[in-house]
Protein backbone atom coordinates (compact mmCIF):
# COMPACT_ATOMS: atom_id res chain seq x y z
CA MET A 1 8.53 27.05 -32.76
CA HIS A 2 10.48 29.32 -31.29
CA ASN A 3 14.29 30.53 -32.65
CA GLY A 4 14.30 27.92 -35.10
CA ARG A 5 13.82 25.10 -31.94
CA HIS A 6 10.68 23.08 -30.78
CA TRP A 7 9.36 23.12 -26.61
CA TYR A 8 10.74 19.59 -26.68
CA ASP A 9 14.69 20.73 -27.67
CA CYS A 10 14.37 22.34 -24.56
CA PRO A 11 16.57 20.61 -21.55
CA ALA A 12 14.43 22.42 -18.85
CA ALA A 13 11.00 21.06 -20.72
CA ARG A 14 12.18 17.41 -20.83
CA LEU A 15 13.30 17.86 -17.11
CA TYR A 16 9.85 19.71 -15.70
CA VAL A 17 7.33 17.03 -13.79
CA MET A 18 3.94 17.99 -13.53
CA SER A 19 2.29 17.95 -10.23
CA GLU A 20 -0.81 15.92 -9.94
CA GLU A 21 -3.01 19.59 -10.43
CA GLU A 22 -1.80 19.92 -13.74
CA ARG A 23 -1.92 16.82 -14.87
CA GLN A 24 -5.30 16.49 -13.86
CA ALA A 25 -5.73 21.17 -15.46
CA GLN A 26 -4.44 19.70 -18.64
CA ARG A 27 -6.67 16.41 -19.44
CA ARG A 28 -9.42 18.25 -18.66
CA SER A 29 -8.41 20.68 -21.17
CA PHE A 30 -7.75 18.43 -23.81
CA ALA A 31 -10.75 17.09 -23.19
CA TYR A 32 -13.01 19.99 -23.47
CA GLY A 33 -11.32 21.38 -26.46
CA ASN A 34 -11.87 17.66 -28.09
CA ALA A 35 -15.17 17.16 -27.27
CA ALA A 36 -16.09 21.33 -28.21
CA ILE A 37 -15.02 20.51 -31.83
CA GLY A 38 -17.52 18.33 -32.30
CA ASN A 39 -19.98 19.25 -30.59
CA PRO A 40 -20.04 23.37 -29.60
CA ARG A 41 -22.90 22.45 -26.57
CA VAL A 42 -20.44 20.88 -24.23
CA THR A 43 -19.47 23.00 -21.41
CA ARG A 44 -16.41 22.82 -19.11
CA GLU A 45 -18.46 22.30 -16.32
CA MET A 46 -19.79 18.77 -17.76
CA ILE A 47 -16.11 17.97 -18.56
CA ASP A 48 -15.46 18.98 -14.75
CA MET A 49 -18.20 16.70 -13.69
CA THR A 50 -17.58 13.71 -15.65
CA ALA A 51 -13.84 14.07 -14.63
CA GLU A 52 -14.78 13.40 -10.78
CA ARG A 53 -17.03 11.02 -12.01
CA ILE A 54 -14.28 9.29 -13.71
CA ASP A 55 -12.37 9.72 -10.68
CA ALA A 56 -14.64 8.57 -8.21
CA VAL A 57 -15.20 5.63 -9.76
CA THR A 58 -11.52 4.64 -10.58
CA ALA A 59 -10.77 4.91 -6.59
CA ARG A 60 -13.01 2.67 -5.67
CA THR A 61 -11.82 0.33 -8.79
CA LEU A 62 -8.16 0.89 -7.38
CA ASP A 63 -9.66 0.02 -3.78
CA VAL A 64 -11.26 -3.08 -4.90
CA LYS A 65 -7.77 -4.34 -7.08
CA ARG A 66 -5.67 -3.17 -3.43
CA LYS A 67 -7.79 -5.27 -0.99
CA ALA A 68 -8.00 -8.31 -3.38
CA ALA A 69 -3.99 -8.09 -3.94
CA LEU A 70 -3.61 -7.89 -0.22
CA GLY A 71 -6.03 -10.63 0.46
CA TRP A 72 -3.53 -12.65 -2.61
CA PHE A 73 -0.42 -11.61 -0.97
CA MET A 74 -1.53 -12.76 2.87
CA ARG A 75 -2.68 -15.94 1.67
CA LEU A 76 0.60 -16.67 0.08
CA LEU A 77 2.39 -15.32 3.20
CA LEU A 78 0.23 -17.76 4.98
CA ARG A 79 1.21 -20.50 2.72
CA LEU A 80 4.48 -20.15 3.03
CA ALA A 81 4.38 -19.99 6.77
CA LYS A 82 2.51 -23.81 7.02
CA TRP A 83 5.55 -24.33 4.67
CA PHE A 84 8.31 -23.64 6.76
CA ILE A 85 6.36 -24.76 9.78
CA ARG A 86 5.88 -28.31 8.55
CA ARG A 87 9.03 -28.48 6.90
CA TYR A 88 11.27 -27.48 9.43
CA THR A 89 9.52 -28.74 12.46
CA LEU A 90 8.74 -32.50 11.89
């Protein structure tokens, strides 16, 4: 609290949008701080290595989900096209 006000009372703080790099740095800092409380042998390098592994797995998972969603959408379009052709060409 500064001068009787909290940071969340500041309009500029509410409007600020963090970049992806800032968000990633904040996540890693948060993870390090919480892990280091429970185990002082945890290092920032461990947190960085784990974060990179999680990011790699997440990227692969999202890629698979995108492909599945695209496949579903293409099948739907194909069914609609077949329906449209049957309906309006006979």
